[in-house]
Amino acid sequence: MKNMLRSFLKRLGFPVLHIYTVVRHPLTSIAIEINSHCNRRCVYCPNHTYQREISFLDEGLYYKIIDELKEMHFKGGLTFNGFNEPLLDKRLVSFIEYARKCLPLSYIYLNTNGDFLDFPLWKKLRVAGLDHATVSQYEGKVNSNVQNLLSNLEEEEKKLIFVKIFDVSMVCNRAGSVEVEDKVKLPVKEFCVQPFYQLQINYKGKALLCCDDYLGSIEMGDIHYQKITDIWKSGKFQAYRRKLIFKDRASLDLCKKCNVRDNRYPPIRIPAYLQKISGFHLQQ
């Protein structure tokens, strides 16, 4: 059963989803940057070069976002990242709890460096409604903190944590905000699927074109005053999508500085019951 589902997704599911995403551009992923800061200053991240204010997304605005998603019957992926470490925000557990209450069919996941993730906190996150966590490790090995967490978990629970050793060679230039070894000629003449399925909201409450827009240079809307659906269907978003369909990054601010390639398929968020059947977790 697992192999059959995996084979279907690779051979048919992904291409069909890709075509549907480009034509219909359904909003299937929301990334909310609930705080501005990170405890690390990795050289391949804009946090190494730029100094951000330490700030938090307005709590009332967070609830507004989730309430609007509820009205939309949102069933996609929800995470709490931009260029931040979400575990630095003490509100995270209550935020997940509220999101799970309002969005029972959504896939709620976490991207973290794991420096503050221990067994008691993991239990709280899971009880609140977290489905999955991707824990990135940056020293070429799994640190003792994460090892201790995994040692306390049952085998089935371990499957809900994907620990990946960060591969520096796979780093993109974050739309021109960091220097990378990849000297590909810019602008890249390739399609990008990101604005067709995911909305990035930064800690200021601004809806951005892309999750790589560290400086928030391309604002698609302001969540304080606009509805998510209106922003997603706006003429500005549509104009960017039309250009990207024809691989015209050269005429687009931000996109012309980005070196991301082979960005063909959007991630699929598989409901929990299908994950149990397939064993197929999709990370981002």
Protein backbone atom coordinates (compact mmCIF):
# COMPACT_ATOMS: atom_id res chain seq x y z
CA MET A 1 0.00 0.00 0.00
CA LYS A 2 2.78 2.42 0.94
CA ASN A 3 4.76 1.75 -2.22
CA MET A 4 1.66 2.04 -4.39
CA LEU A 5 0.78 5.46 -2.99
CA ARG A 6 4.34 6.69 -3.31
CA SER A 7 4.49 5.50 -6.92
CA PHE A 8 1.17 7.18 -7.73
CA LEU A 9 2.29 10.51 -6.28
CA LYS A 10 5.57 10.49 -8.20
CA ARG A 11 4.23 9.37 -11.57
CA LEU A 12 0.79 10.95 -11.70
CA GLY A 13 -0.11 12.84 -8.54
CA PHE A 14 2.62 15.47 -8.66
CA PRO A 15 2.26 16.38 -12.37
CA VAL A 16 -1.53 16.60 -12.09
CA LEU A 17 -1.28 18.70 -8.94
CA HIS A 18 1.25 20.96 -10.65
CA ILE A 19 -1.06 21.65 -13.60
CA TYR A 20 -4.02 22.26 -11.29
CA THR A 21 -1.95 24.61 -9.12
CA VAL A 22 -0.78 26.69 -12.08
CA VAL A 23 -4.24 26.95 -13.64
CA ARG A 24 -6.32 27.42 -10.50
CA HIS A 25 -3.65 28.63 -7.99
CA PRO A 26 -5.53 27.43 -4.90
CA LEU A 27 -4.17 28.71 -1.60
CA THR A 28 -2.93 25.50 0.01
CA SER A 29 -0.14 26.75 2.26
CA ILE A 30 0.12 29.57 4.80
CA ALA A 31 3.38 30.55 6.47
CA ILE A 32 2.98 32.99 9.38
CA GLU A 33 6.16 34.50 10.79
CA ILE A 34 4.97 34.86 14.39
CA ASN A 35 8.19 36.50 15.62
CA SER A 36 11.14 38.24 13.99
CA HIS A 37 14.21 36.75 15.61
CA CYS A 38 16.37 33.63 15.58
CA ASN A 39 18.99 32.44 18.05
CA ARG A 40 21.38 31.52 15.23
CA ARG A 41 23.30 33.64 12.73
CA CYS A 42 24.04 31.18 9.94
CA VAL A 43 26.19 32.58 7.12
CA TYR A 44 23.75 31.25 4.51
CA CYS A 45 20.82 33.15 6.05
CA PRO A 46 20.07 36.90 5.77
CA ASN A 47 20.03 37.01 9.60
CA HIS A 48 23.82 36.79 9.39
CA THR A 49 24.05 40.03 7.40
CA TYR A 50 21.08 42.09 8.48
CA GLN A 51 20.07 43.16 11.98
CA ARG A 52 16.36 42.75 12.60
CA GLU A 53 14.37 44.27 15.41
CA ILE A 54 13.15 41.80 18.02
CA SER A 55 9.43 41.88 17.54
CA PHE A 56 6.34 39.68 17.60
CA LEU A 57 3.33 39.39 15.36
CA ASP A 58 0.37 41.14 16.95
CA GLU A 59 -1.67 38.49 18.76
CA GLY A 60 -5.00 39.90 17.61
CA LEU A 61 -3.79 39.80 14.04
CA TYR A 62 -2.86 36.14 14.39
CA TYR A 63 -6.40 35.30 15.51
CA LYS A 64 -7.78 37.36 12.62
CA ILE A 65 -5.74 35.29 10.17
CA ILE A 66 -6.92 31.99 11.64
CA ASP A 67 -10.54 33.16 11.78
CA GLU A 68 -10.40 34.10 8.11
CA LEU A 69 -8.90 30.72 7.24
CA LYS A 70 -11.77 29.11 9.11
CA GLU A 71 -14.27 31.09 7.02
CA MET A 72 -12.43 29.87 3.92
CA HIS A 73 -12.68 26.22 5.12
CA PHE A 74 -8.91 26.07 4.77
CA LYS A 75 -7.52 22.53 4.73
CA GLY A 76 -3.95 23.19 3.66
CA GLY A 77 -0.61 23.47 5.41
CA LEU A 78 0.01 25.95 8.20
CA THR A 79 3.41 26.78 9.66
CA PHE A 80 4.92 29.57 11.77
CA ASN A 81 8.12 30.41 9.94
CA GLY A 82 9.77 33.00 7.82
CA PHE A 83 13.34 33.75 8.85
CA ASN A 84 12.61 33.19 12.52
CA GLU A 85 12.86 30.45 15.12
CA PRO A 86 9.23 29.89 16.19
CA LEU A 87 10.17 28.18 19.47
CA LEU A 88 11.43 31.56 20.71
CA ASP A 89 7.79 32.65 20.86
CA LYS A 90 6.14 31.47 24.08
CA ARG A 91 2.72 31.81 22.44
CA LEU A 92 3.38 29.01 19.98
CA VAL A 93 1.54 26.27 21.89
CA SER A 94 -1.58 28.40 22.35
CA PHE A 95 -1.37 29.53 18.72
CA ILE A 96 -1.31 25.92 17.53
CA GLU A 97 -4.16 25.04 19.87
CA TYR A 98 -6.35 27.81 18.45
CA ALA A 99 -5.45 26.91 14.87
CA ARG A 100 -6.30 23.25 15.45
CA LYS A 101 -9.65 24.19 16.99
CA CYS A 102 -10.56 26.38 14.02
CA LEU A 103 -8.91 24.31 11.28
CA PRO A 104 -9.47 20.65 12.19
CA LEU A 105 -8.48 19.35 8.74
CA SER A 106 -5.38 21.49 8.23
CA TYR A 107 -1.84 20.13 8.32
CA ILE A 108 -0.08 22.05 11.10
CA TYR A 109 3.67 21.67 10.98
CA LEU A 110 6.79 23.23 12.40
CA ASN A 111 10.20 24.12 10.98
CA THR A 112 12.79 24.56 13.74
CA ASN A 113 16.50 24.31 14.50
CA GLY A 114 15.54 22.20 17.52
CA ASP A 115 17.73 24.08 19.99
CA PHE A 116 14.79 24.60 22.35
CA LEU A 117 12.83 21.46 21.59
CA ASP A 118 12.68 18.97 24.44
CA PHE A 119 10.32 16.17 25.44
CA PRO A 120 7.96 18.23 27.67
CA LEU A 121 7.58 20.91 24.99
CA TRP A 122 7.07 18.31 22.28
CA LYS A 123 4.22 16.78 24.28
CA LYS A 124 2.59 20.20 24.67
CA LEU A 125 2.90 20.89 20.95
CA ARG A 126 1.38 17.55 20.06
CA VAL A 127 -1.51 17.92 22.51
CA ALA A 128 -2.15 21.37 21.08
CA GLY A 129 -2.53 19.86 17.61
CA LEU A 130 0.86 19.81 15.87
CA ASP A 131 1.04 17.21 13.09
CA HIS A 132 4.69 17.20 12.17
CA ALA A 133 8.05 18.88 12.73
CA THR A 134 11.11 19.27 10.55
CA VAL A 135 14.23 19.77 12.67
CA SER A 136 17.24 21.13 10.79
CA GLN A 137 20.69 20.41 12.17
CA TYR A 138 23.63 22.62 11.21
CA GLU A 139 26.80 21.05 12.58
CA GLY A 140 26.81 18.05 10.28
CA LYS A 141 25.31 15.81 12.96
CA VAL A 142 22.30 15.49 15.23
CA ASN A 143 22.99 17.41 18.44
CA SER A 144 22.51 15.95 21.92
CA ASN A 145 19.36 17.96 22.56
CA VAL A 146 17.53 16.41 19.62
CA GLN A 147 18.98 12.97 20.37
CA ASN A 148 17.58 13.16 23.90
CA LEU A 149 14.16 14.09 22.57
CA LEU A 150 14.11 11.19 20.12
CA SER A 151 15.26 8.74 22.79
CA ASN A 152 12.14 9.56 24.82
CA LEU A 153 9.69 8.94 21.98
CA GLU A 154 7.88 5.81 20.89
CA GLU A 155 8.66 4.60 17.38
CA GLU A 156 5.35 5.86 15.92
CA GLU A 157 5.91 9.28 17.46
CA LYS A 158 9.42 9.49 16.03
CA LYS A 159 7.91 9.30 12.56
CA LEU A 160 6.36 12.71 13.16
CA ILE A 161 9.79 14.35 13.48
CA PHE A 162 11.95 14.63 10.40
CA VAL A 163 15.54 15.43 11.37
CA LYS A 164 17.65 16.63 8.48
CA ILE A 165 21.33 17.49 8.38
CA PHE A 166 21.49 20.83 6.61
CA ASP A 167 23.21 20.64 3.24
CA VAL A 168 24.96 23.94 2.52
CA SER A 169 25.33 23.04 -1.16
CA MET A 170 21.54 23.18 -1.50
CA VAL A 171 21.23 26.75 -0.19
CA CYS A 172 19.60 29.31 -2.48
CA ASN A 173 20.54 32.99 -2.48
CA ARG A 174 17.30 34.02 -0.72
CA ALA A 175 16.32 36.27 -3.63
CA GLY A 176 19.71 37.94 -3.63
CA SER A 177 20.02 38.63 0.10
CA VAL A 178 22.88 36.16 0.71
CA GLU A 179 26.03 35.18 -1.18
CA VAL A 180 26.21 31.58 -2.37
CA GLU A 181 28.74 29.54 -4.32
CA ASP A 182 26.21 28.87 -7.07
CA LYS A 183 27.24 31.34 -9.78
CA VAL A 184 24.28 30.74 -12.04
CA LYS A 185 23.64 33.55 -14.46
CA LEU A 186 20.81 35.82 -13.36
CA PRO A 187 18.02 36.28 -14.08
CA VAL A 188 17.17 32.59 -14.18
CA LYS A 189 14.77 31.82 -17.00
CA GLU A 190 12.68 29.26 -15.14
CA PHE A 191 9.19 28.89 -13.76
CA CYS A 192 8.53 29.29 -10.03
CA VAL A 193 5.49 27.71 -8.41
CA GLN A 194 5.74 29.45 -5.02
CA PRO A 195 3.26 32.33 -5.61
CA PHE A 196 0.73 29.87 -6.99
CA TYR A 197 0.06 28.01 -3.76
CA GLN A 198 1.69 29.63 -0.71
CA LEU A 199 1.13 32.92 1.11
CA GLN A 200 3.90 34.24 3.34
CA ILE A 201 2.88 36.65 6.11
CA ASN A 202 5.72 38.37 7.95
CA TYR A 203 5.86 39.47 11.57
CA LYS A 204 4.64 42.95 10.59
CA GLY A 205 1.42 41.54 9.19
CA LYS A 206 2.41 42.10 5.56
CA ALA A 207 1.54 39.52 2.91
CA LEU A 208 4.63 38.96 0.77
CA LEU A 209 5.18 37.60 -2.70
CA CYS A 210 7.55 34.91 -1.54
CA CYS A 211 8.99 33.21 1.54
CA ASP A 212 12.51 34.27 0.42
CA ASP A 213 11.69 37.98 0.68
CA TYR A 214 13.61 38.68 3.89
CA LEU A 215 13.35 42.46 3.62
CA GLY A 216 9.65 42.41 2.74
CA SER A 217 10.37 44.32 -0.45
CA ILE A 218 7.38 43.06 -2.45
CA GLU A 219 4.23 43.53 -0.40
CA MET A 220 1.11 41.98 -1.87
CA GLY A 221 -1.15 43.31 0.86
CA ASP A 222 -1.61 44.22 4.51
CA ILE A 223 -3.42 41.70 6.71
CA HIS A 224 -4.38 44.48 9.13
CA TYR A 225 -6.75 46.00 6.60
CA GLN A 226 -7.36 43.39 3.92
CA LYS A 227 -8.82 39.92 3.76
CA ILE A 228 -6.59 37.01 2.81
CA THR A 229 -8.83 36.04 -0.12
CA ASP A 230 -8.72 39.56 -1.54
CA ILE A 231 -4.94 39.66 -1.35
CA TRP A 232 -4.56 36.20 -2.88
CA LYS A 233 -6.81 37.09 -5.83
CA SER A 234 -5.46 40.61 -6.26
CA GLY A 235 -4.34 42.01 -9.59
CA LYS A 236 -0.80 42.40 -8.31
CA PHE A 237 -0.50 38.72 -7.45
CA GLN A 238 -2.04 37.76 -10.79
CA ALA A 239 0.41 39.95 -12.68
CA TYR A 240 3.36 38.16 -11.06
CA ARG A 241 1.84 34.78 -11.78
CA ARG A 242 1.30 35.60 -15.46
CA LYS A 243 4.94 36.60 -15.81
CA LEU A 244 6.19 33.49 -14.02
CA ILE A 245 4.12 31.16 -16.19
CA PHE A 246 6.24 32.34 -19.12
CA LYS A 247 9.46 32.18 -17.08
CA ASP A 248 9.85 35.94 -17.24
CA ARG A 249 11.74 36.68 -14.04
CA ALA A 250 13.80 39.38 -15.70
CA SER A 251 10.97 41.94 -15.53
CA LEU A 252 10.04 41.15 -11.92
CA ASP A 253 11.64 42.83 -8.95
CA LEU A 254 12.93 40.24 -6.47
CA CYS A 255 12.43 37.32 -8.87
CA LYS A 256 15.19 38.58 -11.15
CA LYS A 257 17.67 38.31 -8.26
CA CYS A 258 16.60 34.78 -7.25
CA ASN A 259 18.61 31.68 -8.23
CA VAL A 260 15.99 29.05 -7.29
CA ARG A 261 15.60 26.46 -10.03
CA ASP A 262 13.63 23.27 -10.62
CA ASN A 263 10.80 24.61 -8.49
CA ARG A 264 8.18 22.56 -10.27
CA TYR A 265 5.95 20.86 -7.77
CA PRO A 266 4.26 22.32 -4.69
CA PRO A 267 4.38 20.24 -1.50
CA ILE A 268 1.31 18.16 -0.78
CA ARG A 269 -0.18 18.13 2.70
CA ILE A 270 -1.48 14.65 3.35
CA PRO A 271 -4.17 14.25 6.02
CA ALA A 272 -3.07 12.36 9.12
CA TYR A 273 -5.12 9.25 8.33
CA LEU A 274 -3.51 8.94 4.89
CA GLN A 275 -0.07 9.47 6.38
CA LYS A 276 -0.63 6.51 8.68
CA ILE A 277 -1.55 4.37 5.69
CA SER A 278 1.25 5.55 3.41
CA GLY A 279 4.01 6.50 5.83
CA PHE A 280 4.55 9.39 3.44
CA HIS A 281 5.37 12.64 5.23
CA LEU A 282 6.21 15.65 3.07
CA GLN A 283 8.59 18.16 4.54
CA GLN A 284 9.23 21.78 3.69
